[in-house]
Amino acid sequence: MAELKHDDEMVYELADLFRMFADSTRVKIMSALMDTEVGVTELANGLQMTTSAVSHQLRILKDSRLIRSRRDGKGILYSLADDHVATILNMGMEHLNENRGGGI
């Protein structure tokens, strides 16, 4: 914690990171990518969204280094950038479930 107290740049970067998780569409996309690589069309169909809307969010997530892409023939497959992203999502769910069951 002392690291954050003295590093304003780190505080702003951390706030930007959490801002990526503040959008329900982005959370849905990252959740869909937790266990598999998925293309835009499959993601759009699964989330019942347009490919344009999904592509827009994928670009934001990729720019934030939360997801990565790789070419697969003519298509592009997306996945989480690393295990940290899945850990953040899982810890958030654990926190919510704990607070629901245990009261506040």
N, C-alpha and C. Protein backbone atom coordinates (compact mmCIF):
# COMPACT_ATOMS: atom_id res chain seq x y z
N MET A 1 0.82 -1.20 0.00
CA MET A 1 0.00 0.00 0.00
C MET A 1 0.87 1.26 0.00
N ALA A 2 2.00 1.19 0.67
CA ALA A 2 2.90 2.35 0.70
C ALA A 2 3.32 2.74 -0.71
N GLU A 3 3.39 1.76 -1.60
CA GLU A 3 3.76 2.01 -2.99
C GLU A 3 2.77 2.98 -3.65
N LEU A 4 1.49 2.81 -3.39
CA LEU A 4 0.47 3.68 -3.98
C LEU A 4 0.47 5.08 -3.37
N LYS A 5 0.77 5.17 -2.10
CA LYS A 5 0.75 6.46 -1.42
C LYS A 5 1.71 7.46 -2.04
N HIS A 6 2.80 6.97 -2.59
CA HIS A 6 3.86 7.86 -3.07
C HIS A 6 4.00 7.89 -4.59
N ASP A 7 3.10 7.21 -5.28
CA ASP A 7 3.24 7.11 -6.72
C ASP A 7 1.92 7.50 -7.39
N ASP A 8 1.76 8.81 -7.65
CA ASP A 8 0.53 9.30 -8.26
C ASP A 8 0.26 8.65 -9.61
N GLU A 9 1.31 8.43 -10.40
CA GLU A 9 1.12 7.81 -11.71
C GLU A 9 0.52 6.42 -11.57
N MET A 10 0.99 5.64 -10.60
CA MET A 10 0.46 4.30 -10.37
C MET A 10 -1.00 4.37 -9.93
N VAL A 11 -1.35 5.33 -9.12
CA VAL A 11 -2.73 5.50 -8.68
C VAL A 11 -3.63 5.77 -9.88
N TYR A 12 -3.21 6.65 -10.77
CA TYR A 12 -4.01 6.97 -11.95
C TYR A 12 -4.12 5.77 -12.89
N GLU A 13 -3.03 5.03 -13.06
CA GLU A 13 -3.07 3.84 -13.91
C GLU A 13 -3.98 2.77 -13.32
N LEU A 14 -3.96 2.62 -12.01
CA LEU A 14 -4.83 1.65 -11.35
C LEU A 14 -6.29 2.06 -11.51
N ALA A 15 -6.57 3.34 -11.36
CA ALA A 15 -7.94 3.83 -11.56
C ALA A 15 -8.40 3.57 -12.99
N ASP A 16 -7.51 3.78 -13.97
CA ASP A 16 -7.84 3.50 -15.37
C ASP A 16 -8.12 2.01 -15.58
N LEU A 17 -7.32 1.16 -14.93
CA LEU A 17 -7.55 -0.27 -15.03
C LEU A 17 -8.94 -0.64 -14.52
N PHE A 18 -9.28 -0.15 -13.34
CA PHE A 18 -10.58 -0.48 -12.77
C PHE A 18 -11.73 0.13 -13.57
N ARG A 19 -11.47 1.21 -14.27
CA ARG A 19 -12.48 1.82 -15.13
C ARG A 19 -12.87 0.85 -16.25
N MET A 20 -11.93 0.04 -16.69
CA MET A 20 -12.23 -0.94 -17.73
C MET A 20 -13.23 -1.98 -17.24
N PHE A 21 -13.20 -2.25 -15.94
CA PHE A 21 -14.11 -3.22 -15.34
C PHE A 21 -15.45 -2.59 -14.93
N ALA A 22 -15.59 -1.30 -15.14
CA ALA A 22 -16.81 -0.58 -14.73
C ALA A 22 -17.89 -0.62 -15.80
N ASP A 23 -17.61 -1.22 -16.93
CA ASP A 23 -18.57 -1.29 -18.02
C ASP A 23 -19.08 -2.73 -18.12
N SER A 24 -20.39 -2.93 -18.00
CA SER A 24 -20.94 -4.29 -17.98
C SER A 24 -20.68 -5.04 -19.29
N THR A 25 -20.68 -4.35 -20.40
CA THR A 25 -20.40 -5.02 -21.68
C THR A 25 -18.97 -5.56 -21.70
N ARG A 26 -18.03 -4.76 -21.24
CA ARG A 26 -16.64 -5.22 -21.21
C ARG A 26 -16.47 -6.39 -20.24
N VAL A 27 -17.17 -6.36 -19.11
CA VAL A 27 -17.09 -7.47 -18.16
C VAL A 27 -17.65 -8.73 -18.80
N LYS A 28 -18.77 -8.61 -19.51
CA LYS A 28 -19.34 -9.77 -20.20
C LYS A 28 -18.37 -10.33 -21.22
N ILE A 29 -17.72 -9.47 -21.97
CA ILE A 29 -16.76 -9.92 -22.98
C ILE A 29 -15.59 -10.62 -22.30
N MET A 30 -15.02 -10.02 -21.26
CA MET A 30 -13.89 -10.66 -20.58
C MET A 30 -14.31 -11.99 -19.96
N SER A 31 -15.51 -12.06 -19.42
CA SER A 31 -16.00 -13.32 -18.86
C SER A 31 -16.11 -14.39 -19.93
N ALA A 32 -16.57 -14.00 -21.11
CA ALA A 32 -16.69 -14.96 -22.22
C ALA A 32 -15.32 -15.46 -22.67
N LEU A 33 -14.30 -14.67 -22.45
CA LEU A 33 -12.95 -15.03 -22.89
C LEU A 33 -12.14 -15.75 -21.81
N MET A 34 -12.73 -16.01 -20.67
CA MET A 34 -11.97 -16.58 -19.56
C MET A 34 -11.40 -17.97 -19.86
N ASP A 35 -12.12 -18.79 -20.60
CA ASP A 35 -11.69 -20.17 -20.79
C ASP A 35 -11.38 -20.53 -22.24
N THR A 36 -11.56 -19.58 -23.15
CA THR A 36 -11.42 -19.93 -24.56
C THR A 36 -11.09 -18.72 -25.41
N GLU A 37 -10.62 -18.99 -26.61
CA GLU A 37 -10.44 -17.94 -27.60
C GLU A 37 -11.74 -17.86 -28.41
N VAL A 38 -12.14 -16.65 -28.74
CA VAL A 38 -13.41 -16.46 -29.43
C VAL A 38 -13.25 -15.37 -30.48
N GLY A 39 -13.94 -15.54 -31.59
CA GLY A 39 -13.97 -14.52 -32.63
C GLY A 39 -15.07 -13.51 -32.37
N VAL A 40 -15.03 -12.41 -33.09
CA VAL A 40 -15.99 -11.32 -32.90
C VAL A 40 -17.42 -11.79 -33.14
N THR A 41 -17.65 -12.52 -34.21
CA THR A 41 -19.01 -12.94 -34.55
C THR A 41 -19.59 -13.85 -33.47
N GLU A 42 -18.79 -14.79 -33.01
CA GLU A 42 -19.26 -15.69 -31.95
C GLU A 42 -19.54 -14.92 -30.66
N LEU A 43 -18.67 -13.98 -30.33
CA LEU A 43 -18.90 -13.14 -29.14
C LEU A 43 -20.19 -12.34 -29.30
N ALA A 44 -20.36 -11.71 -30.45
CA ALA A 44 -21.55 -10.89 -30.70
C ALA A 44 -22.81 -11.73 -30.59
N ASN A 45 -22.80 -12.91 -31.18
CA ASN A 45 -23.97 -13.79 -31.11
C ASN A 45 -24.26 -14.21 -29.68
N GLY A 46 -23.22 -14.59 -28.95
CA GLY A 46 -23.39 -15.03 -27.57
C GLY A 46 -23.88 -13.94 -26.65
N LEU A 47 -23.49 -12.71 -26.93
CA LEU A 47 -23.88 -11.57 -26.08
C LEU A 47 -25.10 -10.84 -26.63
N GLN A 48 -25.60 -11.31 -27.77
CA GLN A 48 -26.74 -10.68 -28.44
C GLN A 48 -26.49 -9.20 -28.69
N MET A 49 -25.34 -8.94 -29.30
CA MET A 49 -24.93 -7.58 -29.64
C MET A 49 -24.50 -7.55 -31.09
N THR A 50 -24.34 -6.36 -31.63
CA THR A 50 -23.84 -6.24 -32.99
C THR A 50 -22.33 -6.47 -32.99
N THR A 51 -21.82 -6.94 -34.12
CA THR A 51 -20.38 -7.14 -34.22
C THR A 51 -19.65 -5.80 -34.09
N SER A 52 -20.28 -4.73 -34.56
CA SER A 52 -19.67 -3.41 -34.45
C SER A 52 -19.49 -3.00 -32.99
N ALA A 53 -20.52 -3.21 -32.18
CA ALA A 53 -20.45 -2.85 -30.76
C ALA A 53 -19.39 -3.69 -30.04
N VAL A 54 -19.34 -4.99 -30.35
CA VAL A 54 -18.36 -5.86 -29.72
C VAL A 54 -16.95 -5.47 -30.17
N SER A 55 -16.78 -5.20 -31.45
CA SER A 55 -15.47 -4.79 -31.97
C SER A 55 -14.97 -3.53 -31.27
N HIS A 56 -15.87 -2.59 -31.04
CA HIS A 56 -15.51 -1.34 -30.36
C HIS A 56 -14.97 -1.64 -28.96
N GLN A 57 -15.67 -2.49 -28.22
CA GLN A 57 -15.24 -2.82 -26.86
C GLN A 57 -13.95 -3.65 -26.87
N LEU A 58 -13.81 -4.53 -27.85
CA LEU A 58 -12.58 -5.31 -27.96
C LEU A 58 -11.37 -4.40 -28.19
N ARG A 59 -11.56 -3.38 -29.00
CA ARG A 59 -10.46 -2.44 -29.25
C ARG A 59 -10.06 -1.73 -27.95
N ILE A 60 -11.04 -1.31 -27.16
CA ILE A 60 -10.77 -0.65 -25.89
C ILE A 60 -10.02 -1.60 -24.94
N LEU A 61 -10.50 -2.84 -24.85
CA LEU A 61 -9.86 -3.82 -23.97
C LEU A 61 -8.45 -4.16 -24.44
N LYS A 62 -8.26 -4.24 -25.74
CA LYS A 62 -6.93 -4.54 -26.27
C LYS A 62 -5.98 -3.38 -26.01
N ASP A 63 -6.45 -2.15 -26.22
CA ASP A 63 -5.62 -0.97 -25.94
C ASP A 63 -5.23 -0.90 -24.47
N SER A 64 -6.08 -1.44 -23.61
CA SER A 64 -5.81 -1.46 -22.17
C SER A 64 -4.99 -2.68 -21.76
N ARG A 65 -4.62 -3.50 -22.73
CA ARG A 65 -3.82 -4.70 -22.51
C ARG A 65 -4.51 -5.73 -21.61
N LEU A 66 -5.84 -5.78 -21.67
CA LEU A 66 -6.58 -6.77 -20.90
C LEU A 66 -6.92 -8.00 -21.73
N ILE A 67 -6.92 -7.85 -23.05
CA ILE A 67 -7.11 -8.98 -23.95
C ILE A 67 -6.02 -8.96 -25.01
N ARG A 68 -5.88 -10.06 -25.71
CA ARG A 68 -4.94 -10.14 -26.83
C ARG A 68 -5.66 -10.80 -27.99
N SER A 69 -5.06 -10.70 -29.14
CA SER A 69 -5.65 -11.30 -30.34
C SER A 69 -4.58 -12.05 -31.11
N ARG A 70 -5.05 -12.99 -31.91
CA ARG A 70 -4.15 -13.69 -32.82
C ARG A 70 -4.94 -14.04 -34.07
N ARG A 71 -4.24 -13.98 -35.18
CA ARG A 71 -4.86 -14.30 -36.45
C ARG A 71 -5.00 -15.81 -36.58
N ASP A 72 -6.17 -16.24 -37.06
CA ASP A 72 -6.45 -17.64 -37.29
C ASP A 72 -7.06 -17.75 -38.69
N GLY A 73 -6.20 -17.97 -39.67
CA GLY A 73 -6.67 -17.95 -41.06
C GLY A 73 -7.11 -16.55 -41.43
N LYS A 74 -8.38 -16.42 -41.83
CA LYS A 74 -8.90 -15.11 -42.21
C LYS A 74 -9.49 -14.36 -41.01
N GLY A 75 -9.68 -15.05 -39.90
CA GLY A 75 -10.31 -14.43 -38.73
C GLY A 75 -9.31 -14.08 -37.65
N ILE A 76 -9.82 -13.43 -36.64
CA ILE A 76 -9.01 -13.06 -35.47
C ILE A 76 -9.70 -13.62 -34.24
N LEU A 77 -8.93 -14.28 -33.40
CA LEU A 77 -9.43 -14.83 -32.16
C LEU A 77 -8.94 -13.98 -30.99
N TYR A 78 -9.79 -13.80 -30.00
CA TYR A 78 -9.47 -12.98 -28.83
C TYR A 78 -9.45 -13.85 -27.59
N SER A 79 -8.58 -13.50 -26.66
CA SER A 79 -8.49 -14.18 -25.37
C SER A 79 -8.02 -13.17 -24.32
N LEU A 80 -8.13 -13.56 -23.06
CA LEU A 80 -7.62 -12.69 -22.00
C LEU A 80 -6.11 -12.56 -22.15
N ALA A 81 -5.59 -11.42 -21.80
CA ALA A 81 -4.16 -11.16 -21.96
C ALA A 81 -3.31 -12.05 -21.06
N ASP A 82 -3.80 -12.30 -19.84
CA ASP A 82 -3.05 -13.15 -18.92
C ASP A 82 -3.95 -13.57 -17.77
N ASP A 83 -3.40 -14.38 -16.87
CA ASP A 83 -4.18 -14.91 -15.75
C ASP A 83 -4.62 -13.83 -14.77
N HIS A 84 -3.92 -12.69 -14.74
CA HIS A 84 -4.30 -11.62 -13.81
C HIS A 84 -5.70 -11.11 -14.09
N VAL A 85 -6.07 -11.03 -15.36
CA VAL A 85 -7.40 -10.53 -15.72
C VAL A 85 -8.47 -11.48 -15.17
N ALA A 86 -8.27 -12.77 -15.36
CA ALA A 86 -9.21 -13.75 -14.82
C ALA A 86 -9.25 -13.68 -13.29
N THR A 87 -8.10 -13.47 -12.67
CA THR A 87 -8.04 -13.37 -11.21
C THR A 87 -8.85 -12.17 -10.72
N ILE A 88 -8.73 -11.04 -11.40
CA ILE A 88 -9.50 -9.85 -11.01
C ILE A 88 -11.00 -10.13 -11.11
N LEU A 89 -11.41 -10.74 -12.23
CA LEU A 89 -12.83 -11.07 -12.40
C LEU A 89 -13.30 -12.05 -11.33
N ASN A 90 -12.51 -13.09 -11.09
CA ASN A 90 -12.88 -14.09 -10.08
C ASN A 90 -12.93 -13.51 -8.68
N MET A 91 -11.98 -12.65 -8.36
CA MET A 91 -11.97 -12.04 -7.02
C MET A 91 -13.17 -11.11 -6.85
N GLY A 92 -13.54 -10.41 -7.89
CA GLY A 92 -14.73 -9.56 -7.83
C GLY A 92 -15.97 -10.38 -7.58
N MET A 93 -16.10 -11.52 -8.26
CA MET A 93 -17.25 -12.40 -8.05
C MET A 93 -17.25 -12.98 -6.63
N GLU A 94 -16.08 -13.39 -6.16
CA GLU A 94 -15.99 -13.91 -4.79
C GLU A 94 -16.42 -12.84 -3.78
N HIS A 95 -15.99 -11.63 -4.00
CA HIS A 95 -16.35 -10.53 -3.10
C HIS A 95 -17.86 -10.32 -3.10
N LEU A 96 -18.47 -10.30 -4.29
CA LEU A 96 -19.91 -10.11 -4.37
C LEU A 96 -20.66 -11.25 -3.71
N ASN A 97 -20.23 -12.47 -3.96
CA ASN A 97 -20.90 -13.63 -3.36
C ASN A 97 -20.74 -13.66 -1.85
N GLU A 98 -19.58 -13.27 -1.36
CA GLU A 98 -19.35 -13.21 0.08
C GLU A 98 -20.26 -12.19 0.73
N ASN A 99 -20.38 -11.03 0.12
CA ASN A 99 -21.22 -9.97 0.68
C ASN A 99 -22.69 -10.31 0.60
N ARG A 100 -23.10 -11.06 -0.39
CA ARG A 100 -24.50 -11.47 -0.51
C ARG A 100 -24.86 -12.48 0.57
N GLY A 101 -23.94 -13.40 0.84
CA GLY A 101 -24.24 -14.46 1.80
C GLY A 101 -24.02 -14.07 3.24
N GLY A 102 -23.04 -13.20 3.48
CA GLY A 102 -22.66 -12.89 4.84
C GLY A 102 -23.26 -11.61 5.40
N GLY A 103 -23.95 -10.85 4.57
CA GLY A 103 -24.48 -9.57 5.04
C GLY A 103 -23.38 -8.54 5.17
N ILE A 104 -23.78 -7.32 5.39
CA ILE A 104 -22.80 -6.24 5.49
C ILE A 104 -22.86 -5.63 6.87
